[in-house]
């Protein structure tokens, strides 16, 4: 297969952008269209904002489609007329129906941020950190009508770092996915097309909701620390706090240090000093809060926070 592959790229979130940029620079492919979600209200003013993929596609100069439902309307007929060879999907946000999957001649490839069949669904990055996995990875999968159930084309593993957050892991896996999709194109061009059925016990992830960020201080320090790292930047791990002046509010927590020596009731503030805010957890030990943010204020080191917002020793967070 010597001529360039005609590709339709389908994606929405920032995870898909490195793959789109990598494909746009590859002489073996020609991106004939980019499909992304419609502009959505965002921010305090709720002004409509384009998706990260739309912004990237605009800079590249790609034709952009933004249907509410990919399989509805005239977009399929327009793309069918151009006879695409391949569709590449990454973090699109919709389940694709059979008419869409049948559109490209060679099929549809999906870039999924887990080692399938583990962690199918919408939040594999956060779930890997929440479950304190030692490794995860990226799967390039041939799509079918199931939820991340298609045959595997390529798969690569990565080790999670000791203080990995969803932000750092997202960026690492997005970059890995961009390299893997280029390798997939190379193999397709040379006729090395493989389809390996998924094997092993599957598991599923759920959509992350704002309430998932609420900290239950009766959990272990390891579980709460993982929650804090997994739910950045949204919704963020948070707790309620009563300040020494009697005011209360919601406080987000961004980084911690595990403490083995903390002893107290779950959520009890044991110490506040230049090192941070030491809080007891439900099992042995606690967490030293290092970076926090009171709702409506800026993010800051905990030592600076307590200078302007003192917390009395013995305060129970989350009450």
C-alpha atoms as a PDB file:
ATOM      1  CA  UNK A   1       0.000   0.000   0.000  1.00  0.00           C
ATOM      2  CA  UNK A   2       2.017   2.940  -1.280  1.00  0.00           C
ATOM      3  CA  UNK A   3      -0.474   5.797  -1.634  1.00  0.00           C
ATOM      4  CA  UNK A   4      -1.379   7.916   1.374  1.00  0.00           C
ATOM      5  CA  UNK A   5      -4.190   6.791   3.652  1.00  0.00           C
ATOM      6  CA  UNK A   6      -7.253   9.011   3.698  1.00  0.00           C
ATOM      7  CA  UNK A   7      -8.157   9.411   7.354  1.00  0.00           C
ATOM      8  CA  UNK A   8     -11.137  10.826   9.214  1.00  0.00           C
ATOM      9  CA  UNK A   9     -10.015  11.854  12.713  1.00  0.00           C
ATOM     10  CA  UNK A  10     -12.639  11.780  15.462  1.00  0.00           C
ATOM     11  CA  UNK A  11     -11.916  13.244  18.904  1.00  0.00           C
ATOM     12  CA  UNK A  12     -12.794  15.946  21.391  1.00  0.00           C
ATOM     13  CA  UNK A  13     -10.616  16.251  24.483  1.00  0.00           C
ATOM     14  CA  UNK A  14      -6.967  17.236  24.921  1.00  0.00           C
ATOM     15  CA  UNK A  15      -5.999  13.556  25.060  1.00  0.00           C
ATOM     16  CA  UNK A  16      -6.634  13.320  21.296  1.00  0.00           C
ATOM     17  CA  UNK A  17      -4.612  16.377  20.250  1.00  0.00           C
ATOM     18  CA  UNK A  18      -1.089  14.819  20.159  1.00  0.00           C
ATOM     19  CA  UNK A  19      -2.393  12.028  17.901  1.00  0.00           C
ATOM     20  CA  UNK A  20      -4.056  14.515  15.551  1.00  0.00           C
ATOM     21  CA  UNK A  21      -0.897  16.613  15.340  1.00  0.00           C
ATOM     22  CA  UNK A  22       1.270  13.548  14.727  1.00  0.00           C
ATOM     23  CA  UNK A  23      -0.965  12.301  11.914  1.00  0.00           C
ATOM     24  CA  UNK A  24      -1.084  15.743  10.319  1.00  0.00           C
ATOM     25  CA  UNK A  25       2.720  15.737  10.055  1.00  0.00           C
ATOM     26  CA  UNK A  26       2.954  12.230   8.571  1.00  0.00           C
ATOM     27  CA  UNK A  27       3.369  12.058   4.798  1.00  0.00           C
ATOM     28  CA  UNK A  28       1.755   8.625   4.688  1.00  0.00           C
ATOM     29  CA  UNK A  29      -1.671   9.975   5.604  1.00  0.00           C
ATOM     30  CA  UNK A  30      -4.056  12.695   4.504  1.00  0.00           C
ATOM     31  CA  UNK A  31      -6.616  13.905   7.006  1.00  0.00           C
ATOM     32  CA  UNK A  32      -9.732  14.565   4.958  1.00  0.00           C
ATOM     33  CA  UNK A  33     -11.902  15.658   7.900  1.00  0.00           C
ATOM     34  CA  UNK A  34     -11.969  16.088  11.667  1.00  0.00           C
ATOM     35  CA  UNK A  35     -15.128  15.293  13.614  1.00  0.00           C
ATOM     36  CA  UNK A  36     -15.485  16.709  17.119  1.00  0.00           C
ATOM     37  CA  UNK A  37     -18.215  17.608  19.592  1.00  0.00           C
ATOM     38  CA  UNK A  38     -20.145  20.890  19.184  1.00  0.00           C
ATOM     39  CA  UNK A  39     -18.918  23.924  21.094  1.00  0.00           C
ATOM     40  CA  UNK A  40     -20.128  23.759  24.697  1.00  0.00           C
ATOM     41  CA  UNK A  41     -20.714  26.405  27.403  1.00  0.00           C
ATOM     42  CA  UNK A  42     -17.729  26.614  29.723  1.00  0.00           C
ATOM     43  CA  UNK A  43     -16.234  28.850  32.403  1.00  0.00           C
ATOM     44  CA  UNK A  44     -17.920  31.318  34.721  1.00  0.00           C
ATOM     45  CA  UNK A  45     -19.579  33.180  31.868  1.00  0.00           C
ATOM     46  CA  UNK A  46     -20.744  29.915  30.253  1.00  0.00           C
ATOM     47  CA  UNK A  47     -19.634  31.166  26.845  1.00  0.00           C
ATOM     48  CA  UNK A  48     -19.479  28.493  24.146  1.00  0.00           C
ATOM     49  CA  UNK A  49     -15.955  27.148  23.810  1.00  0.00           C
ATOM     50  CA  UNK A  50     -14.466  24.973  21.053  1.00  0.00           C
ATOM     51  CA  UNK A  51     -13.030  21.601  21.991  1.00  0.00           C
ATOM     52  CA  UNK A  52      -9.240  21.168  22.160  1.00  0.00           C
ATOM     53  CA  UNK A  53      -9.446  19.032  19.020  1.00  0.00           C
ATOM     54  CA  UNK A  54     -11.332  21.740  17.139  1.00  0.00           C
ATOM     55  CA  UNK A  55      -8.676  24.291  18.091  1.00  0.00           C
ATOM     56  CA  UNK A  56      -5.899  21.986  16.890  1.00  0.00           C
ATOM     57  CA  UNK A  57      -7.737  21.104  13.675  1.00  0.00           C
ATOM     58  CA  UNK A  58      -8.274  24.786  12.914  1.00  0.00           C
ATOM     59  CA  UNK A  59      -4.553  25.483  13.281  1.00  0.00           C
ATOM     60  CA  UNK A  60      -3.707  22.547  11.022  1.00  0.00           C
ATOM     61  CA  UNK A  61      -6.239  23.661   8.432  1.00  0.00           C
ATOM     62  CA  UNK A  62      -8.492  20.596   8.486  1.00  0.00           C
ATOM     63  CA  UNK A  63     -12.135  20.549   7.503  1.00  0.00           C
ATOM     64  CA  UNK A  64     -14.160  20.344  10.747  1.00  0.00           C
ATOM     65  CA  UNK A  65     -17.545  18.759  11.414  1.00  0.00           C
ATOM     66  CA  UNK A  66     -19.408  19.131  14.735  1.00  0.00           C
ATOM     67  CA  UNK A  67     -22.580  17.043  14.655  1.00  0.00           C
ATOM     68  CA  UNK A  68     -24.683  16.504  17.775  1.00  0.00           C
ATOM     69  CA  UNK A  69     -24.878  12.848  16.703  1.00  0.00           C
ATOM     70  CA  UNK A  70     -22.327  11.525  14.220  1.00  0.00           C
ATOM     71  CA  UNK A  71     -24.727   8.969  12.729  1.00  0.00           C
ATOM     72  CA  UNK A  72     -27.483  11.530  12.124  1.00  0.00           C
ATOM     73  CA  UNK A  73     -27.738  14.188   9.455  1.00  0.00           C
ATOM     74  CA  UNK A  74     -25.839  14.472   6.189  1.00  0.00           C
ATOM     75  CA  UNK A  75     -22.274  14.148   7.468  1.00  0.00           C
ATOM     76  CA  UNK A  76     -22.074  10.421   6.711  1.00  0.00           C
ATOM     77  CA  UNK A  77     -23.069  10.960   3.092  1.00  0.00           C
ATOM     78  CA  UNK A  78     -20.504  13.721   2.694  1.00  0.00           C
ATOM     79  CA  UNK A  79     -17.708  11.591   4.127  1.00  0.00           C
ATOM     80  CA  UNK A  80     -18.807   8.450   2.278  1.00  0.00           C
ATOM     81  CA  UNK A  81     -18.424  10.333  -1.001  1.00  0.00           C
ATOM     82  CA  UNK A  82     -14.741  10.941  -0.134  1.00  0.00           C
ATOM     83  CA  UNK A  83     -14.174   7.216   0.514  1.00  0.00           C
ATOM     84  CA  UNK A  84     -11.943   7.328   3.622  1.00  0.00           C
ATOM     85  CA  UNK A  85      -9.547   4.437   4.174  1.00  0.00           C
ATOM     86  CA  UNK A  86      -9.371   4.661   7.957  1.00  0.00           C
ATOM     87  CA  UNK A  87     -10.992   6.388  10.906  1.00  0.00           C
ATOM     88  CA  UNK A  88      -8.961   7.220  14.017  1.00  0.00           C
ATOM     89  CA  UNK A  89     -10.936   7.857  17.207  1.00  0.00           C
ATOM     90  CA  UNK A  90      -9.586   9.237  20.480  1.00  0.00           C
ATOM     91  CA  UNK A  91     -11.589  10.557  23.445  1.00  0.00           C
ATOM     92  CA  UNK A  92     -14.573  11.566  21.318  1.00  0.00           C
ATOM     93  CA  UNK A  93     -17.283  11.281  23.968  1.00  0.00           C
ATOM     94  CA  UNK A  94     -19.920   9.398  21.951  1.00  0.00           C
ATOM     95  CA  UNK A  95     -20.496   5.730  21.152  1.00  0.00           C
ATOM     96  CA  UNK A  96     -20.265   5.273  17.396  1.00  0.00           C
ATOM     97  CA  UNK A  97     -23.069   3.409  15.646  1.00  0.00           C
ATOM     98  CA  UNK A  98     -22.660   0.779  12.931  1.00  0.00           C
ATOM     99  CA  UNK A  99     -23.209   3.216  10.001  1.00  0.00           C
ATOM    100  CA  UNK A 100     -20.214   5.227  11.248  1.00  0.00           C
ATOM    101  CA  UNK A 101     -18.033   2.171  11.868  1.00  0.00           C
ATOM    102  CA  UNK A 102     -18.769   0.936   8.334  1.00  0.00           C
ATOM    103  CA  UNK A 103     -17.734   4.238   6.763  1.00  0.00           C
ATOM    104  CA  UNK A 104     -13.948   3.685   6.296  1.00  0.00           C
ATOM    105  CA  UNK A 105     -12.691   0.940   4.011  1.00  0.00           C
ATOM    106  CA  UNK A 106     -10.193  -0.532   6.497  1.00  0.00           C
ATOM    107  CA  UNK A 107     -12.118   0.097   9.700  1.00  0.00           C
ATOM    108  CA  UNK A 108     -11.903   2.326  12.768  1.00  0.00           C
ATOM    109  CA  UNK A 109      -9.006   2.484  15.228  1.00  0.00           C
ATOM    110  CA  UNK A 110      -9.475   3.752  18.757  1.00  0.00           C
ATOM    111  CA  UNK A 111      -6.724   5.056  21.063  1.00  0.00           C
ATOM    112  CA  UNK A 112      -7.684   3.927  24.568  1.00  0.00           C
ATOM    113  CA  UNK A 113      -5.727   4.825  27.719  1.00  0.00           C
ATOM    114  CA  UNK A 114      -5.608   1.418  29.387  1.00  0.00           C
ATOM    115  CA  UNK A 115      -4.446  -2.147  28.890  1.00  0.00           C
ATOM    116  CA  UNK A 116      -7.688  -3.560  27.531  1.00  0.00           C
ATOM    117  CA  UNK A 117      -9.750  -5.440  28.535  1.00  0.00           C
ATOM    118  CA  UNK A 118      -8.901  -3.740  31.825  1.00  0.00           C
ATOM    119  CA  UNK A 119     -10.587  -0.392  32.458  1.00  0.00           C
ATOM    120  CA  UNK A 120     -12.992  -0.095  29.581  1.00  0.00           C
ATOM    121  CA  UNK A 121     -15.096   3.055  29.599  1.00  0.00           C
ATOM    122  CA  UNK A 122     -14.693   6.795  30.155  1.00  0.00           C
ATOM    123  CA  UNK A 123     -12.188   7.176  33.034  1.00  0.00           C
ATOM    124  CA  UNK A 124      -9.303   4.682  32.699  1.00  0.00           C
ATOM    125  CA  UNK A 125      -6.623   7.189  33.714  1.00  0.00           C
ATOM    126  CA  UNK A 126      -8.311   8.273  36.931  1.00  0.00           C
ATOM    127  CA  UNK A 127      -9.298   4.715  37.814  1.00  0.00           C
ATOM    128  CA  UNK A 128      -5.762   3.384  37.433  1.00  0.00           C
ATOM    129  CA  UNK A 129      -4.536   5.941  39.980  1.00  0.00           C
ATOM    130  CA  UNK A 130      -7.518   5.476  42.306  1.00  0.00           C
ATOM    131  CA  UNK A 131      -6.804   1.733  42.384  1.00  0.00           C
ATOM    132  CA  UNK A 132      -3.085   2.378  42.953  1.00  0.00           C
ATOM    133  CA  UNK A 133      -2.026   0.358  39.941  1.00  0.00           C
ATOM    134  CA  UNK A 134       1.673  -0.232  39.324  1.00  0.00           C
ATOM    135  CA  UNK A 135       1.281  -0.038  35.552  1.00  0.00           C
ATOM    136  CA  UNK A 136      -1.163   0.930  32.840  1.00  0.00           C
ATOM    137  CA  UNK A 137      -0.752   1.720  29.151  1.00  0.00           C
ATOM    138  CA  UNK A 138      -2.351   2.446  25.794  1.00  0.00           C
ATOM    139  CA  UNK A 139      -4.272   0.135  23.488  1.00  0.00           C
ATOM    140  CA  UNK A 140      -4.853   0.743  19.785  1.00  0.00           C
ATOM    141  CA  UNK A 141      -8.072  -1.162  19.177  1.00  0.00           C
ATOM    142  CA  UNK A 142     -10.188  -2.039  16.142  1.00  0.00           C
ATOM    143  CA  UNK A 143     -13.596  -0.643  17.040  1.00  0.00           C
ATOM    144  CA  UNK A 144     -16.853  -2.562  17.099  1.00  0.00           C
ATOM    145  CA  UNK A 145     -20.262  -1.645  18.499  1.00  0.00           C
ATOM    146  CA  UNK A 146     -19.354  -2.678  22.061  1.00  0.00           C
ATOM    147  CA  UNK A 147     -17.841  -0.463  24.730  1.00  0.00           C
ATOM    148  CA  UNK A 148     -14.084  -0.880  24.134  1.00  0.00           C
ATOM    149  CA  UNK A 149     -14.559  -4.539  23.206  1.00  0.00           C
ATOM    150  CA  UNK A 150     -12.854  -4.637  19.794  1.00  0.00           C
ATOM    151  CA  UNK A 151      -9.763  -6.570  18.756  1.00  0.00           C
ATOM    152  CA  UNK A 152      -6.343  -5.245  19.767  1.00  0.00           C
ATOM    153  CA  UNK A 153      -3.946  -3.955  17.119  1.00  0.00           C
ATOM    154  CA  UNK A 154      -1.168  -2.578  19.365  1.00  0.00           C
ATOM    155  CA  UNK A 155      -0.639  -2.339  23.100  1.00  0.00           C
ATOM    156  CA  UNK A 156       2.149  -0.804  25.200  1.00  0.00           C
ATOM    157  CA  UNK A 157       2.687  -0.654  28.968  1.00  0.00           C
ATOM    158  CA  UNK A 158       3.992   2.135  31.182  1.00  0.00           C
ATOM    159  CA  UNK A 159       4.879   2.193  34.876  1.00  0.00           C
ATOM    160  CA  UNK A 160       3.038   4.643  37.092  1.00  0.00           C
ATOM    161  CA  UNK A 161       5.367   7.014  38.894  1.00  0.00           C
ATOM    162  CA  UNK A 162       5.308   7.293  42.668  1.00  0.00           C
ATOM    163  CA  UNK A 163       3.508  10.658  42.776  1.00  0.00           C
ATOM    164  CA  UNK A 164       1.616  10.299  39.503  1.00  0.00           C
ATOM    165  CA  UNK A 165      -1.421  12.536  39.043  1.00  0.00           C
ATOM    166  CA  UNK A 166      -4.167  12.274  36.455  1.00  0.00           C
ATOM    167  CA  UNK A 167      -2.630  15.334  34.768  1.00  0.00           C
ATOM    168  CA  UNK A 168       0.856  13.839  34.381  1.00  0.00           C
ATOM    169  CA  UNK A 169      -0.433  10.384  33.418  1.00  0.00           C
ATOM    170  CA  UNK A 170      -2.854  11.884  30.903  1.00  0.00           C
ATOM    171  CA  UNK A 171      -0.028  13.728  29.163  1.00  0.00           C
ATOM    172  CA  UNK A 172       2.269  10.701  29.146  1.00  0.00           C
ATOM    173  CA  UNK A 173      -0.378   8.398  27.704  1.00  0.00           C
ATOM    174  CA  UNK A 174      -1.550  10.958  25.147  1.00  0.00           C
ATOM    175  CA  UNK A 175       2.027  11.262  23.876  1.00  0.00           C
ATOM    176  CA  UNK A 176       2.433   7.489  23.829  1.00  0.00           C
ATOM    177  CA  UNK A 177      -0.852   7.151  21.942  1.00  0.00           C
ATOM    178  CA  UNK A 178       0.357   9.594  19.284  1.00  0.00           C
ATOM    179  CA  UNK A 179       3.484   7.506  18.693  1.00  0.00           C
ATOM    180  CA  UNK A 180       1.515   4.271  18.614  1.00  0.00           C
ATOM    181  CA  UNK A 181      -1.001   5.523  16.042  1.00  0.00           C
ATOM    182  CA  UNK A 182       1.883   6.461  13.738  1.00  0.00           C
ATOM    183  CA  UNK A 183       3.269   2.939  14.197  1.00  0.00           C
ATOM    184  CA  UNK A 184      -0.190   1.576  13.391  1.00  0.00           C
ATOM    185  CA  UNK A 185      -0.248   3.599  10.159  1.00  0.00           C
ATOM    186  CA  UNK A 186       3.206   2.279   9.250  1.00  0.00           C
ATOM    187  CA  UNK A 187       2.070  -1.302   9.760  1.00  0.00           C
ATOM    188  CA  UNK A 188      -1.120  -0.793   7.778  1.00  0.00           C
ATOM    189  CA  UNK A 189       0.878   0.725   4.918  1.00  0.00           C
ATOM    190  CA  UNK A 190       3.179  -2.319   4.893  1.00  0.00           C
ATOM    191  CA  UNK A 191       0.291  -4.787   5.133  1.00  0.00           C
ATOM    192  CA  UNK A 192       1.016  -5.843   8.747  1.00  0.00           C
ATOM    193  CA  UNK A 193      -2.568  -5.693   9.957  1.00  0.00           C
ATOM    194  CA  UNK A 194      -3.260  -7.785  13.058  1.00  0.00           C
ATOM    195  CA  UNK A 195      -6.426  -8.326  15.076  1.00  0.00           C
ATOM    196  CA  UNK A 196      -5.931  -9.936  18.478  1.00  0.00           C
ATOM    197  CA  UNK A 197      -9.138 -10.709  20.417  1.00  0.00           C
ATOM    198  CA  UNK A 198      -9.158  -9.279  23.928  1.00  0.00           C
ATOM    199  CA  UNK A 199      -8.484 -11.915  26.557  1.00  0.00           C
ATOM    200  CA  UNK A 200      -8.677 -11.906  30.338  1.00  0.00           C
ATOM    201  CA  UNK A 201     -11.215 -10.604  32.813  1.00  0.00           C
ATOM    202  CA  UNK A 202     -12.667  -7.265  31.667  1.00  0.00           C
ATOM    203  CA  UNK A 203     -13.326  -4.358  34.023  1.00  0.00           C
ATOM    204  CA  UNK A 204     -15.189  -1.104  33.518  1.00  0.00           C
ATOM    205  CA  UNK A 205     -14.808   2.494  34.609  1.00  0.00           C
ATOM    206  CA  UNK A 206     -17.530   5.050  35.246  1.00  0.00           C
ATOM    207  CA  UNK A 207     -17.973   8.678  34.384  1.00  0.00           C
ATOM    208  CA  UNK A 208     -16.345  10.861  37.031  1.00  0.00           C
ATOM    209  CA  UNK A 209     -18.842  13.099  38.851  1.00  0.00           C
ATOM    210  CA  UNK A 210     -18.259  16.126  41.055  1.00  0.00           C
ATOM    211  CA  UNK A 211     -19.326  14.230  44.161  1.00  0.00           C
ATOM    212  CA  UNK A 212     -16.535  11.712  43.561  1.00  0.00           C
ATOM    213  CA  UNK A 213     -14.144  14.409  44.780  1.00  0.00           C
ATOM    214  CA  UNK A 214     -15.605  14.545  48.297  1.00  0.00           C
ATOM    215  CA  UNK A 215     -13.064  13.120  50.749  1.00  0.00           C
ATOM    216  CA  UNK A 216     -14.126  10.494  53.257  1.00  0.00           C
ATOM    217  CA  UNK A 217     -11.553  10.882  56.016  1.00  0.00           C
ATOM    218  CA  UNK A 218     -12.379   7.443  57.434  1.00  0.00           C
ATOM    219  CA  UNK A 219     -10.520   5.915  54.501  1.00  0.00           C
ATOM    220  CA  UNK A 220      -6.817   5.048  54.674  1.00  0.00           C
ATOM    221  CA  UNK A 221      -4.215   7.719  53.999  1.00  0.00           C
ATOM    222  CA  UNK A 222      -3.152   5.828  50.856  1.00  0.00           C
ATOM    223  CA  UNK A 223      -6.687   5.776  49.463  1.00  0.00           C
ATOM    224  CA  UNK A 224      -7.253   9.490  50.120  1.00  0.00           C
ATOM    225  CA  UNK A 225      -3.860  10.396  48.664  1.00  0.00           C
ATOM    226  CA  UNK A 226      -4.722   8.402  45.523  1.00  0.00           C
ATOM    227  CA  UNK A 227      -8.075  10.195  45.287  1.00  0.00           C
ATOM    228  CA  UNK A 228      -6.340  13.566  45.487  1.00  0.00           C
ATOM    229  CA  UNK A 229      -3.911  12.636  42.713  1.00  0.00           C
ATOM    230  CA  UNK A 230      -6.509  10.913  40.522  1.00  0.00           C
ATOM    231  CA  UNK A 231      -9.124  13.655  40.407  1.00  0.00           C
ATOM    232  CA  UNK A 232      -6.979  16.516  39.123  1.00  0.00           C
ATOM    233  CA  UNK A 233      -7.823  18.865  37.522  1.00  0.00           C
ATOM    234  CA  UNK A 234     -11.541  18.026  37.750  1.00  0.00           C
ATOM    235  CA  UNK A 235     -13.464  17.699  39.967  1.00  0.00           C
ATOM    236  CA  UNK A 236     -10.585  17.916  42.439  1.00  0.00           C
ATOM    237  CA  UNK A 237     -10.559  16.257  45.857  1.00  0.00           C
ATOM    238  CA  UNK A 238     -12.259  18.480  48.421  1.00  0.00           C
ATOM    239  CA  UNK A 239     -13.455  18.692  52.003  1.00  0.00           C
ATOM    240  CA  UNK A 240     -15.334  21.184  54.133  1.00  0.00           C
ATOM    241  CA  UNK A 241     -13.337  23.159  56.693  1.00  0.00           C
ATOM    242  CA  UNK A 242     -14.286  25.408  59.605  1.00  0.00           C
ATOM    243  CA  UNK A 243     -11.765  28.191  60.109  1.00  0.00           C
ATOM    244  CA  UNK A 244     -10.689  29.585  63.472  1.00  0.00           C
ATOM    245  CA  UNK A 245     -12.773  32.746  62.867  1.00  0.00           C
ATOM    246  CA  UNK A 246     -15.935  30.641  62.647  1.00  0.00           C
ATOM    247  CA  UNK A 247     -16.316  30.834  58.885  1.00  0.00           C
ATOM    248  CA  UNK A 248     -16.533  27.614  56.884  1.00  0.00           C
ATOM    249  CA  UNK A 249     -16.002  26.681  53.265  1.00  0.00           C
ATOM    250  CA  UNK A 250     -14.911  24.059  50.774  1.00  0.00           C
ATOM    251  CA  UNK A 251     -11.193  23.394  50.501  1.00  0.00           C
ATOM    252  CA  UNK A 252      -9.597  21.555  47.585  1.00  0.00           C
ATOM    253  CA  UNK A 253      -6.438  19.572  48.227  1.00  0.00           C
ATOM    254  CA  UNK A 254      -3.804  19.175  45.523  1.00  0.00           C
ATOM    255  CA  UNK A 255      -0.804  17.485  47.109  1.00  0.00           C
ATOM    256  CA  UNK A 256       0.050  15.631  50.290  1.00  0.00           C
ATOM    257  CA  UNK A 257       2.775  13.710  52.074  1.00  0.00           C
ATOM    258  CA  UNK A 258       1.925  10.399  53.722  1.00  0.00           C
ATOM    259  CA  UNK A 259       2.440  10.416  57.491  1.00  0.00           C
ATOM    260  CA  UNK A 260       2.754   7.252  59.573  1.00  0.00           C
ATOM    261  CA  UNK A 261       2.839   8.952  62.956  1.00  0.00           C
ATOM    262  CA  UNK A 262      -0.416  10.918  62.853  1.00  0.00           C
ATOM    263  CA  UNK A 263      -2.879   9.794  65.519  1.00  0.00           C
ATOM    264  CA  UNK A 264      -6.371  11.177  65.973  1.00  0.00           C
ATOM    265  CA  UNK A 265      -9.989  11.038  64.883  1.00  0.00           C
ATOM    266  CA  UNK A 266     -10.671  10.718  61.166  1.00  0.00           C
ATOM    267  CA  UNK A 267     -10.336  14.177  59.639  1.00  0.00           C
ATOM    268  CA  UNK A 268      -8.875  15.790  62.768  1.00  0.00           C
ATOM    269  CA  UNK A 269      -6.379  18.617  62.255  1.00  0.00           C
ATOM    270  CA  UNK A 270      -3.415  17.647  64.433  1.00  0.00           C
ATOM    271  CA  UNK A 271      -0.863  20.314  63.542  1.00  0.00           C
ATOM    272  CA  UNK A 272      -0.475  23.428  61.392  1.00  0.00           C
ATOM    273  CA  UNK A 273       2.987  24.829  60.760  1.00  0.00           C
ATOM    274  CA  UNK A 274       5.453  25.752  58.030  1.00  0.00           C
ATOM    275  CA  UNK A 275       5.363  22.177  56.726  1.00  0.00           C
ATOM    276  CA  UNK A 276       1.616  22.124  56.130  1.00  0.00           C
ATOM    277  CA  UNK A 277      -1.586  20.880  57.740  1.00  0.00           C
ATOM    278  CA  UNK A 278      -1.395  17.442  59.366  1.00  0.00           C
ATOM    279  CA  UNK A 279      -4.705  15.546  59.284  1.00  0.00           C
ATOM    280  CA  UNK A 280      -5.523  12.132  60.767  1.00  0.00           C
ATOM    281  CA  UNK A 281      -7.124   9.507  58.527  1.00  0.00           C
ATOM    282  CA  UNK A 282      -9.423   6.622  59.348  1.00  0.00           C
ATOM    283  CA  UNK A 283      -6.727   3.997  59.660  1.00  0.00           C
ATOM    284  CA  UNK A 284      -3.238   4.309  61.097  1.00  0.00           C
ATOM    285  CA  UNK A 285      -1.466   7.497  60.092  1.00  0.00           C
ATOM    286  CA  UNK A 286      -2.589  10.570  58.216  1.00  0.00           C
ATOM    287  CA  UNK A 287      -1.748  13.110  55.546  1.00  0.00           C
ATOM    288  CA  UNK A 288       0.291  16.300  55.606  1.00  0.00           C
ATOM    289  CA  UNK A 289      -1.572  18.667  53.296  1.00  0.00           C
ATOM    290  CA  UNK A 290       0.887  20.653  51.193  1.00  0.00           C
ATOM    291  CA  UNK A 291      -1.142  22.496  48.528  1.00  0.00           C
ATOM    292  CA  UNK A 292      -4.717  23.637  49.112  1.00  0.00           C
ATOM    293  CA  UNK A 293      -7.274  26.066  47.763  1.00  0.00           C
ATOM    294  CA  UNK A 294     -10.252  27.592  49.527  1.00  0.00           C
ATOM    295  CA  UNK A 295     -13.245  27.938  47.228  1.00  0.00           C
ATOM    296  CA  UNK A 296     -13.072  31.264  45.408  1.00  0.00           C
ATOM    297  CA  UNK A 297      -9.402  31.815  46.315  1.00  0.00           C
ATOM    298  CA  UNK A 298      -6.125  30.932  44.628  1.00  0.00           C
ATOM    299  CA  UNK A 299      -4.207  27.705  45.065  1.00  0.00           C
ATOM    300  CA  UNK A 300      -1.362  28.019  47.577  1.00  0.00           C
ATOM    301  CA  UNK A 301       1.038  26.168  49.827  1.00  0.00           C
ATOM    302  CA  UNK A 302      -0.659  25.098  53.057  1.00  0.00           C
ATOM    303  CA  UNK A 303       1.789  27.152  55.168  1.00  0.00           C
ATOM    304  CA  UNK A 304       0.668  30.316  53.386  1.00  0.00           C
ATOM    305  CA  UNK A 305      -2.975  29.251  53.616  1.00  0.00           C
ATOM    306  CA  UNK A 306      -2.941  28.967  57.406  1.00  0.00           C
ATOM    307  CA  UNK A 307      -1.343  32.422  57.771  1.00  0.00           C
ATOM    308  CA  UNK A 308      -4.439  34.012  56.257  1.00  0.00           C
ATOM    309  CA  UNK A 309      -6.955  31.321  57.207  1.00  0.00           C
ATOM    310  CA  UNK A 310      -6.011  29.816  60.598  1.00  0.00           C
ATOM    311  CA  UNK A 311      -7.488  26.424  61.459  1.00  0.00           C
ATOM    312  CA  UNK A 312      -7.803  25.487  65.116  1.00  0.00           C
ATOM    313  CA  UNK A 313      -6.071  22.302  66.251  1.00  0.00           C
ATOM    314  CA  UNK A 314      -8.733  19.631  66.800  1.00  0.00           C
ATOM    315  CA  UNK A 315     -10.949  20.866  63.951  1.00  0.00           C
ATOM    316  CA  UNK A 316     -12.575  17.946  62.126  1.00  0.00           C
ATOM    317  CA  UNK A 317     -12.473  18.337  58.355  1.00  0.00           C
ATOM    318  CA  UNK A 318     -15.566  17.227  56.491  1.00  0.00           C
ATOM    319  CA  UNK A 319     -18.034  17.942  59.308  1.00  0.00           C
END
